[in-house]
Amino acid sequence: MEALEACILGHWTHSHEEDTPDAMIYRPASYSFPPSRGRMGLEFRSGGELIYYGIAPADGTQPDTGHWAIEGANRVRIVVDNARIQPFVLEVISCDDDMLKVRQ
């Protein structure tokens, strides 16, 4: 559990080009992404603080605050402070410095 928390801390951006039928791929925000009309992301901060980056109406980024918590060995519960975004759970398949891979 501690290893998962240490690994997910940071700002991750969805690399939708790399998604598979079973997994969504996130890369560090510093990654060199190809052009896209918008990308969602998650910034996990210590103490359970979260910034959820949704896609804004004009294809930019819309940040919302929230919080996260580890649930079990590979699950992270996400709650965004926006009534339009329902709480959800990420099931982490793998995580390292270059990629966060979660179940679709």
Protein backbone atom coordinates (compact mmCIF):
# COMPACT_ATOMS: atom_id res chain seq x y z
CA MET A 1 0.00 0.00 0.00
CA GLU A 2 2.79 2.45 0.85
CA ALA A 3 4.52 1.63 -2.42
CA LEU A 4 1.37 2.47 -4.39
CA GLU A 5 0.96 5.79 -2.58
CA ALA A 6 4.57 6.76 -3.24
CA CYS A 7 4.27 5.81 -6.89
CA ILE A 8 1.05 7.68 -7.73
CA LEU A 9 2.07 10.99 -6.15
CA GLY A 10 2.47 13.63 -8.85
CA HIS A 11 0.63 15.00 -11.87
CA TRP A 12 -0.53 12.34 -14.36
CA THR A 13 -2.08 13.09 -17.75
CA HIS A 14 -4.20 10.67 -19.78
CA SER A 15 -2.32 9.40 -22.83
CA HIS A 16 -5.43 8.20 -24.67
CA GLU A 17 -3.42 7.23 -27.75
CA GLU A 18 -1.84 4.43 -25.72
CA ASP A 19 -5.05 3.04 -24.19
CA THR A 20 -5.89 -0.60 -24.77
CA PRO A 21 -9.30 -2.29 -24.50
CA ASP A 22 -8.41 -3.24 -20.90
CA ALA A 23 -6.28 -0.32 -19.68
CA MET A 24 -6.05 3.46 -19.57
CA ILE A 25 -2.54 4.91 -19.70
CA TYR A 26 -1.41 8.00 -17.82
CA ARG A 27 1.98 9.65 -18.24
CA PRO A 28 3.71 12.31 -16.14
CA ALA A 29 2.51 15.80 -17.12
CA SER A 30 6.07 16.55 -18.32
CA TYR A 31 5.77 13.82 -21.00
CA SER A 32 5.98 14.97 -24.64
CA PHE A 33 2.39 14.29 -25.77
CA PRO A 34 1.27 14.60 -29.38
CA PRO A 35 -1.25 17.37 -30.10
CA SER A 36 -4.74 16.69 -28.73
CA ARG A 37 -8.00 18.60 -28.41
CA GLY A 38 -7.94 18.06 -24.65
CA ARG A 39 -6.51 15.75 -22.03
CA MET A 40 -7.80 14.86 -18.62
CA GLY A 41 -5.45 14.33 -15.72
CA LEU A 42 -5.04 13.66 -12.03
CA GLU A 43 -2.63 15.28 -9.63
CA PHE A 44 -2.18 13.23 -6.48
CA ARG A 45 -0.77 15.30 -3.64
CA SER A 46 0.39 14.08 -0.26
CA GLY A 47 -2.19 13.96 2.50
CA GLY A 48 -4.93 12.80 0.12
CA GLU A 49 -5.30 16.12 -1.71
CA LEU A 50 -6.28 15.89 -5.40
CA ILE A 51 -6.56 18.12 -8.44
CA TYR A 52 -8.78 16.60 -11.14
CA TYR A 53 -8.14 18.05 -14.59
CA GLY A 54 -11.20 17.63 -16.78
CA ILE A 55 -11.58 18.78 -20.36
CA ALA A 56 -13.11 22.26 -20.49
CA PRO A 57 -15.81 23.22 -23.04
CA ALA A 58 -13.22 24.99 -25.23
CA ASP A 59 -10.88 21.94 -25.18
CA GLY A 60 -8.66 23.41 -22.47
CA THR A 61 -8.29 22.05 -18.97
CA GLN A 62 -10.77 22.56 -16.13
CA PRO A 63 -9.22 21.91 -12.69
CA ASP A 64 -11.36 20.81 -9.73
CA THR A 65 -10.17 20.00 -6.22
CA GLY A 66 -10.91 16.73 -4.47
CA HIS A 67 -9.32 13.99 -2.46
CA TRP A 68 -8.06 10.43 -2.85
CA ALA A 69 -7.52 7.42 -0.60
CA ILE A 70 -5.88 4.02 -1.04
CA GLU A 71 -8.39 1.13 -0.79
CA GLY A 72 -6.59 -2.18 -0.70
CA ALA A 73 -3.41 -3.18 -2.49
CA ASN A 74 -4.19 -1.63 -5.90
CA ARG A 75 -7.28 0.58 -5.64
CA VAL A 76 -7.50 4.35 -5.28
CA ARG A 77 -10.83 6.04 -4.48
CA ILE A 78 -11.24 9.46 -6.10
CA VAL A 79 -13.77 12.06 -4.90
CA VAL A 80 -13.95 15.33 -6.86
CA ASP A 81 -15.49 18.46 -5.34
CA ASN A 82 -17.83 18.84 -8.29
CA ALA A 83 -21.35 17.38 -8.16
CA ARG A 84 -21.19 16.55 -11.89
CA ILE A 85 -18.28 14.12 -11.35
CA GLN A 86 -19.30 11.02 -9.42
CA PRO A 87 -16.77 9.39 -7.06
CA PHE A 88 -14.86 6.59 -8.76
CA VAL A 89 -12.17 3.99 -8.08
CA LEU A 90 -9.00 3.48 -10.10
CA GLU A 91 -7.76 -0.09 -10.16
CA VAL A 92 -4.02 0.25 -10.68
CA ILE A 93 -2.46 -2.42 -12.90
CA SER A 94 1.06 -0.99 -12.74
CA CYS A 95 2.88 2.16 -11.78
CA ASP A 96 6.42 3.42 -12.23
CA ASP A 97 8.11 6.76 -12.89
CA ASP A 98 7.04 6.80 -16.55
CA MET A 99 3.54 5.29 -16.60
CA LEU A 100 0.42 4.79 -14.52
CA LYS A 101 -1.69 2.00 -15.98
CA VAL A 102 -5.26 1.53 -14.68
CA ARG A 103 -8.04 -0.88 -15.56
CA GLN A 104 -10.59 0.47 -18.08
